[in-house]
Amino acid sequence: MGLFMLTLIGIPNCDQIRKTRAWLDDHKVEYAFADLKKEPLTRSEIAELASKVYFDTLINKKGTTWRNLGIGNLDLSNEQLLDLIEKNQAVMKRPILVYQDGNVMVGFDEDALERFVEDAKE
């Protein structure tokens, strides 16, 4: 392992996860993959992520899972959002990248990903 550890959280067949894995592999960045289908996040792990990036960033309101829930623009409390994510983890925006030091990045953007990886190396 390198000096830092990165965890990529997502669903293996997701296009955004495939792109992120390819980018990380091409740039020789070591990472562990956490498969939400096999090992869903715990409520406390979801709360920890939300405390770092906020629910608006964590939830993919443009995604099929969100639309299929039929809750539209309801004004949900943080507890209700935690319940929602815990039961429907595919509603989270992907990828989610977490460094051992606690830094978190959500979504695929090559430039942001490059800065995120570089910042962690320093």
C-alpha atoms as a PDB file:
ATOM      1  CA  MET A   1       0.000   0.000   0.000  1.00  0.00           C
ATOM      2  CA  GLY A   2       0.988   3.586  -0.546  1.00  0.00           C
ATOM      3  CA  LEU A   3       1.169   6.318   2.055  1.00  0.00           C
ATOM      4  CA  PHE A   4      -2.555   6.941   1.842  1.00  0.00           C
ATOM      5  CA  MET A   5      -5.574   4.746   1.360  1.00  0.00           C
ATOM      6  CA  LEU A   6      -8.519   5.566  -0.848  1.00  0.00           C
ATOM      7  CA  THR A   7     -11.857   3.771  -0.804  1.00  0.00           C
ATOM      8  CA  LEU A   8     -14.152   3.937  -3.812  1.00  0.00           C
ATOM      9  CA  ILE A   9     -17.779   3.324  -2.837  1.00  0.00           C
ATOM     10  CA  GLY A  10     -20.340   2.351  -5.430  1.00  0.00           C
ATOM     11  CA  ILE A  11     -22.055  -0.273  -7.533  1.00  0.00           C
ATOM     12  CA  PRO A  12     -19.840  -2.312  -9.913  1.00  0.00           C
ATOM     13  CA  ASN A  13     -22.033  -2.014 -13.034  1.00  0.00           C
ATOM     14  CA  CYS A  14     -22.476   1.780 -12.718  1.00  0.00           C
ATOM     15  CA  ASP A  15     -20.962   3.726 -15.642  1.00  0.00           C
ATOM     16  CA  GLN A  16     -19.619   6.432 -13.299  1.00  0.00           C
ATOM     17  CA  ILE A  17     -17.889   3.756 -11.203  1.00  0.00           C
ATOM     18  CA  ARG A  18     -16.373   2.177 -14.324  1.00  0.00           C
ATOM     19  CA  LYS A  19     -15.025   5.558 -15.451  1.00  0.00           C
ATOM     20  CA  THR A  20     -13.614   6.286 -11.999  1.00  0.00           C
ATOM     21  CA  ARG A  21     -11.961   2.864 -11.714  1.00  0.00           C
ATOM     22  CA  ALA A  22     -10.414   3.289 -15.162  1.00  0.00           C
ATOM     23  CA  TRP A  23      -9.111   6.745 -14.226  1.00  0.00           C
ATOM     24  CA  LEU A  24      -7.651   5.516 -10.926  1.00  0.00           C
ATOM     25  CA  ASP A  25      -6.045   2.515 -12.653  1.00  0.00           C
ATOM     26  CA  ASP A  26      -4.625   4.687 -15.472  1.00  0.00           C
ATOM     27  CA  HIS A  27      -3.118   7.050 -12.877  1.00  0.00           C
ATOM     28  CA  LYS A  28      -1.820   4.159 -10.755  1.00  0.00           C
ATOM     29  CA  VAL A  29      -3.788   5.233  -7.689  1.00  0.00           C
ATOM     30  CA  GLU A  30      -4.248   2.425  -5.185  1.00  0.00           C
ATOM     31  CA  TYR A  31      -7.761   2.031  -3.833  1.00  0.00           C
ATOM     32  CA  ALA A  32     -10.136  -0.396  -2.206  1.00  0.00           C
ATOM     33  CA  PHE A  33     -13.598  -0.889  -3.712  1.00  0.00           C
ATOM     34  CA  ALA A  34     -16.637  -1.004  -1.426  1.00  0.00           C
ATOM     35  CA  ASP A  35     -19.537  -2.648  -3.271  1.00  0.00           C
ATOM     36  CA  LEU A  36     -22.841  -1.238  -1.988  1.00  0.00           C
ATOM     37  CA  LYS A  37     -24.710  -4.248  -3.382  1.00  0.00           C
ATOM     38  CA  LYS A  38     -22.659  -6.697  -1.296  1.00  0.00           C
ATOM     39  CA  GLU A  39     -22.031  -4.542   1.766  1.00  0.00           C
ATOM     40  CA  PRO A  40     -24.396  -1.599   2.175  1.00  0.00           C
ATOM     41  CA  LEU A  41     -23.185   1.297   4.279  1.00  0.00           C
ATOM     42  CA  THR A  42     -24.357   1.466   7.866  1.00  0.00           C
ATOM     43  CA  ARG A  43     -26.517   4.323   9.074  1.00  0.00           C
ATOM     44  CA  SER A  44     -23.527   5.794  10.943  1.00  0.00           C
ATOM     45  CA  GLU A  45     -21.338   5.582   7.802  1.00  0.00           C
ATOM     46  CA  ILE A  46     -24.027   7.382   5.798  1.00  0.00           C
ATOM     47  CA  ALA A  47     -24.351  10.032   8.521  1.00  0.00           C
ATOM     48  CA  GLU A  48     -20.561  10.493   8.512  1.00  0.00           C
ATOM     49  CA  LEU A  49     -20.544  11.027   4.733  1.00  0.00           C
ATOM     50  CA  ALA A  50     -23.471  13.445   4.962  1.00  0.00           C
ATOM     51  CA  SER A  51     -21.674  15.415   7.666  1.00  0.00           C
ATOM     52  CA  LYS A  52     -18.774  15.954   5.280  1.00  0.00           C
ATOM     53  CA  VAL A  53     -20.563  16.629   1.983  1.00  0.00           C
ATOM     54  CA  TYR A  54     -24.199  17.352   2.973  1.00  0.00           C
ATOM     55  CA  PHE A  55     -27.262  15.479   1.773  1.00  0.00           C
ATOM     56  CA  ASP A  56     -27.720  17.682  -1.319  1.00  0.00           C
ATOM     57  CA  THR A  57     -24.370  16.455  -2.604  1.00  0.00           C
ATOM     58  CA  LEU A  58     -24.798  12.863  -1.467  1.00  0.00           C
ATOM     59  CA  ILE A  59     -28.222  12.257  -3.018  1.00  0.00           C
ATOM     60  CA  ASN A  60     -28.648  11.961  -6.777  1.00  0.00           C
ATOM     61  CA  LYS A  61     -32.005  13.653  -7.288  1.00  0.00           C
ATOM     62  CA  LYS A  62     -31.657  13.285 -11.072  1.00  0.00           C
ATOM     63  CA  GLY A  63     -31.299   9.514 -10.870  1.00  0.00           C
ATOM     64  CA  THR A  64     -33.834   6.803 -11.571  1.00  0.00           C
ATOM     65  CA  THR A  65     -33.881   5.561  -7.974  1.00  0.00           C
ATOM     66  CA  TRP A  66     -34.871   8.995  -6.630  1.00  0.00           C
ATOM     67  CA  ARG A  67     -37.551   9.440  -9.294  1.00  0.00           C
ATOM     68  CA  ASN A  68     -38.950   5.949  -8.675  1.00  0.00           C
ATOM     69  CA  LEU A  69     -39.361   6.716  -4.962  1.00  0.00           C
ATOM     70  CA  GLY A  70     -41.994   9.263  -5.969  1.00  0.00           C
ATOM     71  CA  ILE A  71     -41.077  11.731  -3.256  1.00  0.00           C
ATOM     72  CA  GLY A  72     -40.232  14.571  -5.615  1.00  0.00           C
ATOM     73  CA  ASN A  73     -39.364  17.767  -3.806  1.00  0.00           C
ATOM     74  CA  LEU A  74     -40.683  16.853  -0.371  1.00  0.00           C
ATOM     75  CA  ASP A  75     -38.953  18.737   2.410  1.00  0.00           C
ATOM     76  CA  LEU A  76     -37.415  15.824   4.320  1.00  0.00           C
ATOM     77  CA  SER A  77     -35.584  16.125   7.637  1.00  0.00           C
ATOM     78  CA  ASN A  78     -32.025  14.839   8.001  1.00  0.00           C
ATOM     79  CA  GLU A  79     -33.367  11.812   9.898  1.00  0.00           C
ATOM     80  CA  GLN A  80     -35.828  11.077   7.085  1.00  0.00           C
ATOM     81  CA  LEU A  81     -33.035  11.441   4.520  1.00  0.00           C
ATOM     82  CA  LEU A  82     -30.845   9.054   6.531  1.00  0.00           C
ATOM     83  CA  ASP A  83     -33.717   6.534   6.605  1.00  0.00           C
ATOM     84  CA  LEU A  84     -34.218   6.954   2.870  1.00  0.00           C
ATOM     85  CA  ILE A  85     -30.544   6.415   1.999  1.00  0.00           C
ATOM     86  CA  GLU A  86     -30.172   3.514   4.413  1.00  0.00           C
ATOM     87  CA  LYS A  87     -33.045   1.683   2.693  1.00  0.00           C
ATOM     88  CA  ASN A  88     -32.243   2.826  -0.884  1.00  0.00           C
ATOM     89  CA  GLN A  89     -28.473   3.135  -1.192  1.00  0.00           C
ATOM     90  CA  ALA A  90     -28.631   3.380  -4.981  1.00  0.00           C
ATOM     91  CA  VAL A  91     -30.038   6.895  -4.428  1.00  0.00           C
ATOM     92  CA  MET A  92     -26.528   8.094  -3.554  1.00  0.00           C
ATOM     93  CA  LYS A  93     -24.566   9.924  -6.218  1.00  0.00           C
ATOM     94  CA  ARG A  94     -21.631   7.911  -7.495  1.00  0.00           C
ATOM     95  CA  PRO A  95     -18.762   7.582  -7.189  1.00  0.00           C
ATOM     96  CA  ILE A  96     -18.078   8.311  -3.545  1.00  0.00           C
ATOM     97  CA  LEU A  97     -14.367   8.489  -2.780  1.00  0.00           C
ATOM     98  CA  VAL A  98     -13.111   8.540   0.795  1.00  0.00           C
ATOM     99  CA  TYR A  99      -9.540   8.917   1.962  1.00  0.00           C
ATOM    100  CA  GLN A 100      -8.395   7.438   5.230  1.00  0.00           C
ATOM    101  CA  ASP A 101      -7.901  10.994   6.521  1.00  0.00           C
ATOM    102  CA  GLY A 102     -11.631  11.621   6.104  1.00  0.00           C
ATOM    103  CA  ASN A 103     -11.633  13.710   2.918  1.00  0.00           C
ATOM    104  CA  VAL A 104     -14.624  12.878   0.730  1.00  0.00           C
ATOM    105  CA  MET A 105     -15.447  13.510  -2.926  1.00  0.00           C
ATOM    106  CA  VAL A 106     -18.772  12.696  -4.603  1.00  0.00           C
ATOM    107  CA  GLY A 107     -19.375  12.430  -8.348  1.00  0.00           C
ATOM    108  CA  PHE A 108     -17.102  11.936 -11.337  1.00  0.00           C
ATOM    109  CA  ASP A 109     -15.201  14.939 -12.633  1.00  0.00           C
ATOM    110  CA  GLU A 110     -11.698  14.283 -13.984  1.00  0.00           C
ATOM    111  CA  ASP A 111     -10.244  17.644 -12.952  1.00  0.00           C
ATOM    112  CA  ALA A 112     -11.727  17.457  -9.459  1.00  0.00           C
ATOM    113  CA  LEU A 113     -10.588  13.845  -9.124  1.00  0.00           C
ATOM    114  CA  GLU A 114      -7.052  14.790 -10.096  1.00  0.00           C
ATOM    115  CA  ARG A 115      -6.995  17.606  -7.510  1.00  0.00           C
ATOM    116  CA  PHE A 116      -8.512  15.298  -4.879  1.00  0.00           C
ATOM    117  CA  VAL A 117      -5.813  12.671  -5.431  1.00  0.00           C
ATOM    118  CA  GLU A 118      -3.014  15.248  -5.544  1.00  0.00           C
ATOM    119  CA  ASP A 119      -4.193  16.968  -2.349  1.00  0.00           C
ATOM    120  CA  ALA A 120      -4.158  13.621  -0.548  1.00  0.00           C
ATOM    121  CA  LYS A 121      -0.561  12.929  -1.574  1.00  0.00           C
ATOM    122  CA  GLU A 122       0.696  16.124   0.040  1.00  0.00           C
END
